[in-house]
Amino acid sequence: MSRLAMILGLLCLLSRLATACFPASPPFVGVATDGQVYHNGKTAALALTVATKQKKPQTMDFASSKRYDFLLFPENEPNNAIWQWSQGRMFSQALTKLTLRPGEPITFVVTTDFKLPSGDYPKPGRYLLQGVLCTRDKPVYSAPLTIEIR
């Protein structure tokens, strides 16, 4: 075996080990809305933007067609989601991929009235809205955004 072939083989092996030991950093995930104050029953637009922090394209795997979600928490109970955009929706059960290219963010936009599973609306107050990129291995969460519901 030539010396060049051995060096190339070693570099390939080291590259795979480095990728396994030092995986790519998660993408940026940010959430935005079309307002800060919402009245019960009125429609709100929610946007989840994702972008790679890498210098090369970053491909992510998903366990279904559900690529993103939004969660709503009372401001004083940040671990108790009272509303989830995906709840009650159906998603195809197929492995999918999404590739993020440097400098090309992707934004997903949904509209909602924040109706709870009970059919009621959230009580008036301040809430934390969080976006989620639902990658197969580990979901990536946005920083929470404070909104008010009246």
Protein backbone atom coordinates (compact mmCIF):
# COMPACT_ATOMS: atom_id res chain seq x y z
CA MET A 1 0.00 0.00 0.00
CA SER A 2 1.42 3.33 -0.93
CA ARG A 3 2.29 5.88 1.68
CA LEU A 4 -0.22 8.36 0.14
CA ALA A 5 -3.07 5.83 0.40
CA MET A 6 -2.22 5.18 4.07
CA ILE A 7 -2.16 8.91 4.84
CA LEU A 8 -5.48 9.47 3.05
CA GLY A 9 -7.03 6.54 4.93
CA LEU A 10 -5.77 7.89 8.25
CA LEU A 11 -7.10 11.37 7.47
CA CYS A 12 -10.48 9.90 6.58
CA LEU A 13 -10.59 7.96 9.86
CA LEU A 14 -9.54 11.01 11.89
CA SER A 15 -12.18 13.11 10.14
CA ARG A 16 -14.90 10.62 11.10
CA LEU A 17 -13.66 10.49 14.71
CA ALA A 18 -13.60 14.29 14.96
CA THR A 19 -17.15 14.50 13.64
CA ALA A 20 -18.35 11.89 16.13
CA CYS A 21 -16.55 13.49 19.08
CA PHE A 22 -17.20 17.12 18.17
CA PRO A 23 -20.59 17.27 16.41
CA ALA A 24 -21.66 20.46 14.63
CA SER A 25 -23.16 23.13 16.83
CA PRO A 26 -26.95 23.30 16.78
CA PRO A 27 -28.55 25.79 14.42
CA PHE A 28 -29.86 29.17 15.53
CA VAL A 29 -33.59 29.02 16.30
CA GLY A 30 -35.50 32.26 16.86
CA VAL A 31 -39.18 33.04 17.36
CA ALA A 32 -41.07 36.23 16.45
CA THR A 33 -44.71 37.36 16.37
CA ASP A 34 -46.72 40.03 14.59
CA GLY A 35 -47.48 41.77 17.91
CA GLN A 36 -46.86 41.76 21.65
CA VAL A 37 -50.47 41.95 22.87
CA TYR A 38 -53.25 39.63 21.70
CA HIS A 39 -56.95 39.54 22.51
CA ASN A 40 -58.57 36.16 23.08
CA GLY A 41 -59.99 34.71 19.89
CA LYS A 42 -57.99 37.00 17.60
CA THR A 43 -55.45 35.58 15.17
CA ALA A 44 -51.73 35.83 15.83
CA ALA A 45 -48.93 35.14 13.33
CA LEU A 46 -45.96 33.20 14.72
CA ALA A 47 -42.64 32.80 12.93
CA LEU A 48 -39.82 30.37 13.63
CA THR A 49 -36.54 31.16 11.89
CA VAL A 50 -33.68 28.67 11.69
CA ALA A 51 -30.17 29.29 10.39
CA THR A 52 -26.92 27.39 10.45
CA LYS A 53 -23.97 28.73 12.41
CA GLN A 54 -21.65 26.61 10.27
CA LYS A 55 -19.59 27.70 7.27
CA LYS A 56 -20.83 24.65 5.36
CA PRO A 57 -24.40 23.41 4.75
CA GLN A 58 -25.91 21.69 7.79
CA THR A 59 -28.37 18.82 7.26
CA MET A 60 -30.77 17.80 10.01
CA ASP A 61 -32.93 14.69 10.28
CA PHE A 62 -36.57 14.61 11.37
CA ALA A 63 -38.63 11.59 12.48
CA SER A 64 -41.77 12.89 10.74
CA SER A 65 -42.99 15.76 8.59
CA LYS A 66 -43.25 17.86 11.77
CA ARG A 67 -40.23 20.13 11.54
CA TYR A 68 -41.20 22.83 14.04
CA ASP A 69 -43.56 23.58 16.89
CA PHE A 70 -44.57 26.43 19.18
CA LEU A 71 -45.24 26.26 22.93
CA LEU A 72 -47.00 28.73 25.25
CA PHE A 73 -46.20 28.88 28.97
CA PRO A 74 -47.57 31.09 31.75
CA GLU A 75 -44.82 33.58 32.57
CA ASN A 76 -44.56 32.31 36.16
CA GLU A 77 -44.59 28.60 35.11
CA PRO A 78 -41.94 28.27 32.36
CA ASN A 79 -42.01 24.45 32.52
CA ASN A 80 -45.79 24.05 32.16
CA ALA A 81 -46.88 24.46 28.53
CA ILE A 82 -50.60 25.23 28.34
CA TRP A 83 -50.74 25.32 24.52
CA GLN A 84 -48.84 23.56 21.75
CA TRP A 85 -49.33 24.41 18.08
CA SER A 86 -48.90 20.80 16.90
CA GLN A 87 -51.40 19.32 19.34
CA GLY A 88 -54.28 17.73 17.45
CA ARG A 89 -52.48 17.97 14.08
CA MET A 90 -51.44 15.00 12.01
CA PHE A 91 -47.98 14.59 10.50
CA SER A 92 -46.73 11.97 8.06
CA GLN A 93 -44.54 9.35 9.69
CA ALA A 94 -41.62 9.47 7.31
CA LEU A 95 -37.99 10.28 7.89
CA THR A 96 -37.23 13.69 6.36
CA LYS A 97 -34.21 15.97 6.06
CA LEU A 98 -33.68 19.72 5.98
CA THR A 99 -30.46 21.34 4.80
CA LEU A 100 -29.55 24.81 6.02
CA ARG A 101 -27.09 26.75 3.89
CA PRO A 102 -24.87 29.48 5.34
CA GLY A 103 -26.44 32.92 5.00
CA GLU A 104 -29.84 31.47 3.98
CA PRO A 105 -32.19 31.31 6.99
CA ILE A 106 -35.49 29.47 6.67
CA THR A 107 -38.66 30.84 8.29
CA PHE A 108 -41.82 28.88 9.07
CA VAL A 109 -44.98 30.95 9.69
CA VAL A 110 -48.25 29.81 11.26
CA THR A 111 -51.39 31.57 12.43
CA THR A 112 -53.29 30.71 15.60
CA ASP A 113 -55.83 32.03 18.06
CA PHE A 114 -54.17 30.13 20.96
CA LYS A 115 -57.32 28.07 21.62
CA LEU A 116 -56.57 25.53 24.35
CA PRO A 117 -57.41 21.79 24.04
CA SER A 118 -60.37 22.42 26.37
CA GLY A 119 -61.83 24.84 23.81
CA ASP A 120 -61.20 27.81 26.09
CA TYR A 121 -58.67 30.57 25.60
CA PRO A 122 -55.76 31.37 27.92
CA LYS A 123 -56.59 33.56 30.91
CA PRO A 124 -55.52 37.18 30.52
CA GLY A 125 -51.87 37.58 31.50
CA ARG A 126 -48.27 37.43 30.38
CA TYR A 127 -46.99 34.32 28.62
CA LEU A 128 -43.74 32.95 27.23
CA LEU A 129 -43.82 31.76 23.62
CA GLN A 130 -41.10 29.36 22.55
CA GLY A 131 -40.31 27.88 19.16
CA VAL A 132 -38.89 24.41 18.66
CA LEU A 133 -36.99 22.88 15.75
CA CYS A 134 -38.08 19.25 16.11
CA THR A 135 -34.93 17.45 14.95
CA ARG A 136 -34.89 13.68 15.37
CA ASP A 137 -32.00 13.39 17.81
CA LYS A 138 -32.46 16.47 19.97
CA PRO A 139 -35.00 19.29 19.58
CA VAL A 140 -33.54 22.81 19.45
CA TYR A 141 -35.44 25.49 21.41
CA SER A 142 -35.56 29.23 20.82
CA ALA A 143 -35.19 31.74 23.60
CA PRO A 144 -38.66 32.49 25.00
CA LEU A 145 -40.52 35.58 23.84
CA THR A 146 -42.91 37.36 26.22
CA ILE A 147 -46.39 38.14 24.93
CA GLU A 148 -49.53 39.36 26.65
CA ILE A 149 -53.02 37.96 26.22
CA ARG A 150 -56.02 40.10 27.20
